[in-house]
N, C-alpha and C. Protein backbone atom coordinates (compact mmCIF):
# COMPACT_ATOMS: atom_id res chain seq x y z
N TYR A 1 1.09 -1.01 0.04
CA TYR A 1 0.17 0.24 -0.50
C TYR A 1 0.68 1.27 0.22
N ASP A 2 2.27 1.68 -0.22
CA ASP A 2 3.63 1.72 -0.07
C ASP A 2 3.26 3.29 -1.29
N GLY A 3 2.10 2.76 -2.78
CA GLY A 3 2.31 3.98 -3.40
C GLY A 3 0.46 4.38 -3.25
N TRP A 4 -0.11 3.62 -3.19
CA TRP A 4 -0.94 4.10 -2.30
C TRP A 4 -1.60 5.18 -1.56
N LEU A 5 -0.64 4.91 -0.87
CA LEU A 5 -0.42 6.11 0.81
C LEU A 5 0.59 7.30 -0.21
N THR A 6 1.10 7.25 -1.18
CA THR A 6 2.10 8.15 -1.26
C THR A 6 1.54 9.31 -2.43
N ARG A 7 0.46 8.44 -3.14
CA ARG A 7 -0.66 9.22 -3.60
C ARG A 7 -1.80 10.18 -3.56
N LEU A 8 -2.30 8.67 -2.43
CA LEU A 8 -2.86 10.06 -1.56
C LEU A 8 -2.41 11.56 -1.27
N SER A 9 -1.32 11.21 -0.35
CA SER A 9 -0.29 12.49 0.50
C SER A 9 -0.39 12.77 -0.59
N GLY A 10 -0.20 12.77 -2.01
CA GLY A 10 0.37 13.71 -2.98
C GLY A 10 -0.56 14.68 -3.48
N LEU A 11 -1.42 14.22 -3.08
CA LEU A 11 -3.18 14.48 -3.98
C LEU A 11 -3.38 16.23 -2.50
N SER A 12 -3.04 14.71 -1.70
CA SER A 12 -3.71 15.80 -0.47
C SER A 12 -2.29 17.33 -0.24
N ALA A 13 -1.83 17.72 -0.65
CA ALA A 13 -1.09 18.25 -0.13
C ALA A 13 -0.30 18.72 -1.92
N HIS A 14 -1.39 18.83 -2.97
CA HIS A 14 -1.47 18.96 -4.10
C HIS A 14 0.63 19.57 -4.45
N ASP A 15 1.00 18.18 -4.45
CA ASP A 15 1.91 17.85 -5.07
C ASP A 15 1.79 16.58 -5.49
N GLU A 16 2.90 17.34 -7.48
CA GLU A 16 2.67 16.84 -8.16
C GLU A 16 3.14 15.15 -8.22
N ALA A 17 5.20 15.73 -8.11
CA ALA A 17 6.33 14.73 -8.03
C ALA A 17 5.22 13.31 -6.69
N ALA A 18 4.85 13.51 -5.68
CA ALA A 18 4.30 12.10 -4.70
C ALA A 18 3.31 11.27 -5.46
N ILE A 19 2.71 12.04 -5.97
CA ILE A 19 1.11 11.59 -7.00
C ILE A 19 2.07 10.88 -8.22
N LYS A 20 2.81 12.05 -8.72
CA LYS A 20 3.43 10.59 -10.24
C LYS A 20 4.73 9.43 -9.34
N ALA A 21 4.88 9.80 -8.56
CA ALA A 21 6.27 8.61 -7.60
C ALA A 21 5.00 7.97 -7.06
N GLY A 22 3.42 7.92 -6.16
CA GLY A 22 3.17 6.68 -5.96
C GLY A 22 2.42 6.53 -7.04
N ASP A 23 2.00 6.84 -7.98
CA ASP A 23 1.56 5.91 -9.76
C ASP A 23 2.48 5.09 -9.91
N ALA A 24 3.52 5.42 -9.60
CA ALA A 24 5.24 4.30 -10.50
C ALA A 24 4.96 2.94 -9.48
N GLN A 25 4.85 3.61 -8.20
CA GLN A 25 4.17 2.73 -7.38
C GLN A 25 3.75 1.50 -7.69
N LEU A 26 2.68 1.99 -7.85
CA LEU A 26 1.20 1.18 -7.60
C LEU A 26 1.70 0.66 -9.13
N LYS A 27 2.46 1.12 -10.32
CA LYS A 27 2.18 0.13 -10.82
C LYS A 27 3.46 -1.13 -11.13
N SER A 28 4.51 -0.62 -10.55
CA SER A 28 5.39 -1.99 -10.54
C SER A 28 4.17 -2.46 -9.17
N ALA A 29 3.70 -1.82 -8.82
CA ALA A 29 3.23 -3.69 -7.80
C ALA A 29 2.15 -4.45 -8.55
N ALA A 30 1.60 -3.96 -9.45
CA ALA A 30 0.48 -4.70 -10.11
C ALA A 30 1.45 -5.50 -11.56
N ARG A 31 2.29 -4.57 -11.37
CA ARG A 31 3.19 -5.48 -12.60
C ARG A 31 4.22 -7.15 -11.94
N LEU A 32 4.15 -6.81 -10.60
CA LEU A 32 5.03 -7.57 -9.43
C LEU A 32 3.86 -9.24 -9.48
N HIS A 33 2.34 -8.11 -9.37
CA HIS A 33 1.70 -8.83 -8.89
C HIS A 33 0.10 -9.03 -9.36
N PRO A 34 0.54 -9.58 -10.52
CA PRO A 34 -0.88 -9.35 -11.46
C PRO A 34 -2.21 -9.49 -11.21
N ASP A 35 -2.13 -11.07 -9.91
CA ASP A 35 -3.50 -11.69 -9.28
C ASP A 35 -3.77 -10.94 -8.15
N TYR A 36 -3.50 -10.02 -7.54
CA TYR A 36 -3.93 -9.84 -6.43
C TYR A 36 -4.15 -8.20 -6.48
N ALA A 37 -5.67 -8.52 -6.20
CA ALA A 37 -6.84 -7.56 -6.36
C ALA A 37 -6.90 -6.54 -5.80
N ASP A 38 -6.34 -5.98 -4.64
CA ASP A 38 -6.43 -4.69 -4.22
C ASP A 38 -4.98 -3.44 -5.48
N GLY A 39 -3.63 -4.17 -4.71
CA GLY A 39 -3.21 -4.13 -6.53
C GLY A 39 -3.47 -3.29 -7.37
N GLN A 40 -4.28 -4.17 -7.68
CA GLN A 40 -5.05 -3.52 -9.28
C GLN A 40 -6.37 -3.47 -9.56
N GLY A 41 -7.18 -3.15 -8.57
CA GLY A 41 -8.61 -2.20 -8.38
C GLY A 41 -7.46 -0.82 -7.88
N LEU A 42 -6.08 -0.54 -7.13
CA LEU A 42 -5.53 0.70 -6.42
C LEU A 42 -4.94 1.05 -8.16
N TYR A 43 -5.16 0.22 -8.49
CA TYR A 43 -3.85 0.45 -10.04
C TYR A 43 -4.73 1.93 -11.12
N GLY A 44 -6.13 0.94 -10.88
CA GLY A 44 -7.32 0.76 -11.90
C GLY A 44 -7.85 2.58 -11.57
N VAL A 45 -7.99 3.17 -10.37
CA VAL A 45 -8.14 4.34 -10.04
C VAL A 45 -7.53 5.29 -10.05
N ALA A 46 -6.11 5.79 -9.91
CA ALA A 46 -4.61 5.80 -10.47
C ALA A 46 -4.96 6.48 -12.12
N LEU A 47 -4.81 4.40 -12.85
CA LEU A 47 -5.26 5.39 -14.49
C LEU A 47 -6.41 6.03 -14.44
N LEU A 48 -7.23 5.13 -14.61
CA LEU A 48 -8.05 7.18 -14.42
C LEU A 48 -8.04 7.98 -14.32
N GLN A 49 -7.29 8.33 -12.19
CA GLN A 49 -7.88 9.48 -11.70
C GLN A 49 -6.70 11.08 -12.67
N ASP A 50 -5.79 9.88 -12.57
CA ASP A 50 -4.13 10.69 -12.61
C ASP A 50 -3.72 10.19 -14.45
N LEU A 51 -3.98 9.99 -14.71
CA LEU A 51 -3.25 9.42 -15.67
C LEU A 51 -4.65 9.96 -17.58
N HIS A 52 -6.29 9.42 -16.80
CA HIS A 52 -7.49 9.21 -17.92
C HIS A 52 -6.61 9.10 -18.53
N ASP A 53 -6.74 7.63 -18.21
CA ASP A 53 -6.37 6.53 -20.11
C ASP A 53 -7.71 5.76 -18.65
N ALA A 54 -8.99 6.15 -19.20
CA ALA A 54 -10.21 4.70 -18.80
C ALA A 54 -9.97 2.99 -19.30
N LYS A 55 -9.05 2.81 -21.09
CA LYS A 55 -9.18 2.03 -21.85
C LYS A 55 -7.43 0.33 -20.48
N ALA A 56 -6.80 1.17 -20.31
CA ALA A 56 -5.88 1.38 -19.82
C ALA A 56 -6.69 0.42 -17.91
N ALA A 57 -7.58 1.23 -17.08
CA ALA A 57 -8.39 0.88 -15.86
C ALA A 57 -9.06 -0.02 -16.00
N VAL A 58 -9.33 -0.31 -17.03
CA VAL A 58 -10.48 -1.28 -17.37
C VAL A 58 -10.00 -2.08 -17.32
N VAL A 59 -8.75 -2.12 -18.63
CA VAL A 59 -7.65 -3.55 -18.38
C VAL A 59 -7.35 -4.32 -16.30
N SER A 60 -6.98 -3.19 -15.16
CA SER A 60 -6.87 -3.66 -13.89
C SER A 60 -8.49 -3.65 -12.97
N PHE A 61 -9.66 -2.11 -14.00
CA PHE A 61 -10.14 -3.60 -12.92
C PHE A 61 -10.78 -5.17 -13.49
N GLU A 62 -10.20 -4.80 -14.82
CA GLU A 62 -11.32 -5.93 -15.18
C GLU A 62 -10.12 -7.82 -14.12
N ARG A 63 -8.52 -7.59 -14.20
CA ARG A 63 -8.36 -8.12 -12.79
C ARG A 63 -8.53 -8.44 -11.93
N CYS A 64 -9.24 -6.65 -11.37
CA CYS A 64 -9.67 -7.09 -10.35
C CYS A 64 -11.11 -7.60 -9.76
N ARG A 65 -11.95 -7.66 -10.82
CA ARG A 65 -13.12 -8.20 -10.99
C ARG A 65 -11.95 -10.06 -10.79
N LYS A 66 -12.08 -10.36 -11.77
CA LYS A 66 -11.63 -12.00 -11.37
C LYS A 66 -10.88 -12.46 -10.43
N ASP A 67 -9.92 -11.71 -9.54
CA ASP A 67 -9.34 -11.57 -8.77
C ASP A 67 -9.80 -12.03 -7.33
N GLY A 68 -10.84 -12.25 -6.92
CA GLY A 68 -11.88 -12.71 -6.34
C GLY A 68 -11.97 -11.20 -4.70
N PRO A 69 -11.63 -9.34 -4.99
CA PRO A 69 -11.82 -8.39 -4.65
C PRO A 69 -12.57 -8.98 -3.07
N THR A 70 -11.73 -7.82 -1.85
CA THR A 70 -12.74 -8.38 -1.45
C THR A 70 -14.13 -6.97 -1.00
N VAL A 71 -15.60 -6.94 -0.33
CA VAL A 71 -16.08 -5.62 -0.37
C VAL A 71 -15.81 -5.18 0.09
N SER A 72 -15.27 -5.36 0.77
CA SER A 72 -14.31 -3.04 1.19
C SER A 72 -13.72 -2.30 0.16
N LEU A 73 -12.86 -3.52 -0.62
CA LEU A 73 -11.96 -2.24 -1.41
C LEU A 73 -13.49 -2.78 -2.67
N LEU A 74 -14.49 -2.78 -2.89
CA LEU A 74 -15.21 -2.70 -4.35
C LEU A 74 -16.43 -1.50 -3.33
N ARG A 75 -16.19 -1.64 -2.14
CA ARG A 75 -16.89 -0.44 -1.78
C ARG A 75 -16.32 1.29 -2.42
N GLY A 76 -15.36 0.51 -1.97
CA GLY A 76 -14.03 2.02 -2.18
C GLY A 76 -13.46 2.37 -3.50
N ILE A 77 -13.98 1.57 -4.65
CA ILE A 77 -13.37 1.02 -5.82
C ILE A 77 -14.99 1.02 -6.52
N SER A 78 -15.14 1.22 -6.90
CA SER A 78 -16.23 0.06 -7.78
C SER A 78 -17.07 1.64 -8.47
N ALA A 79 -17.82 3.48 -8.20
CA ALA A 79 -18.44 4.00 -8.71
C ALA A 79 -16.75 3.95 -9.81
N ILE A 80 -15.46 4.41 -9.23
CA ILE A 80 -14.63 4.56 -10.40
C ILE A 80 -14.01 3.61 -11.47
N ALA A 81 -14.60 2.44 -10.42
CA ALA A 81 -14.44 1.46 -12.06
C ALA A 81 -14.94 1.70 -13.13
N ALA A 82 -16.73 2.35 -12.42
CA ALA A 82 -18.41 1.85 -13.43
C ALA A 82 -17.99 3.73 -14.52
N SER A 83 -17.40 3.76 -13.25
CA SER A 83 -17.35 5.81 -14.85
C SER A 83 -16.33 4.81 -16.00
N ALA A 84 -14.70 4.45 -15.00
CA ALA A 84 -13.97 3.73 -16.37
C ALA A 84 -14.10 3.10 -17.54
N TYR A 85 -14.75 2.27 -16.88
CA TYR A 85 -15.35 1.20 -18.05
C TYR A 85 -16.66 2.19 -18.71
N GLU A 86 -17.86 3.05 -18.53
CA GLU A 86 -18.30 3.58 -18.97
C GLU A 86 -17.76 5.41 -20.14
N GLN A 87 -16.80 4.73 -19.97
CA GLN A 87 -15.30 5.90 -20.64
C GLN A 87 -14.46 5.34 -21.61
N ALA A 88 -14.52 4.68 -21.56
CA ALA A 88 -13.89 3.28 -22.71
C ALA A 88 -14.81 2.39 -23.15
N GLY A 89 -16.91 3.08 -23.28
CA GLY A 89 -17.85 2.33 -23.42
C GLY A 89 -17.68 1.30 -23.76
N ARG A 90 -17.87 0.02 -22.39
CA ARG A 90 -17.72 -0.66 -22.52
C ARG A 90 -19.29 -1.55 -21.33
N GLY A 91 -19.58 -1.63 -20.86
CA GLY A 91 -20.58 -2.11 -20.01
C GLY A 91 -19.90 -2.74 -18.55
N VAL A 92 -20.27 -2.03 -18.14
CA VAL A 92 -20.54 -2.18 -16.85
C VAL A 92 -20.58 -3.83 -15.96
N PRO A 93 -20.07 -4.57 -15.80
CA PRO A 93 -19.93 -5.31 -15.10
C PRO A 93 -20.87 -5.43 -13.28
N ALA A 94 -22.16 -6.56 -12.77
CA ALA A 94 -22.39 -6.31 -11.62
C ALA A 94 -21.31 -6.10 -10.50
N THR A 95 -20.04 -6.93 -10.65
CA THR A 95 -19.67 -7.31 -9.70
C THR A 95 -19.43 -5.63 -9.26
N TYR A 96 -19.55 -4.48 -10.19
CA TYR A 96 -19.17 -3.20 -9.73
C TYR A 96 -20.62 -2.22 -9.72
N LYS A 97 -21.59 -2.86 -9.69
CA LYS A 97 -23.08 -1.97 -10.04
C LYS A 97 -23.91 -1.99 -8.41
N SER A 98 -23.34 -3.36 -8.14
CA SER A 98 -23.85 -3.73 -6.74
C SER A 98 -23.00 -3.75 -6.10
N ALA A 99 -21.78 -3.15 -5.78
CA ALA A 99 -20.77 -3.37 -4.43
C ALA A 99 -21.86 -2.21 -3.47
């Protein structure tokens, strides 16, 4: 969760360098652990909100969904995931509609 916390502190402080560092850590974690739902879900949030890449975010959210995310994670990311699917022109999976 280091990358996520770094990103959040950067957002809070309006520190672009910290946001980018957090995003880079999230990217690295998602690549090292492609089957870890939390990492994929949080990276999907960063992809959409920071890098404005809905299609890439959907890829991460798909991996997250397939890896059995916790209800807690789903509650935190579902609205953002649904937005990514919509922006990418894709139907929103039930997983992200019902959380």
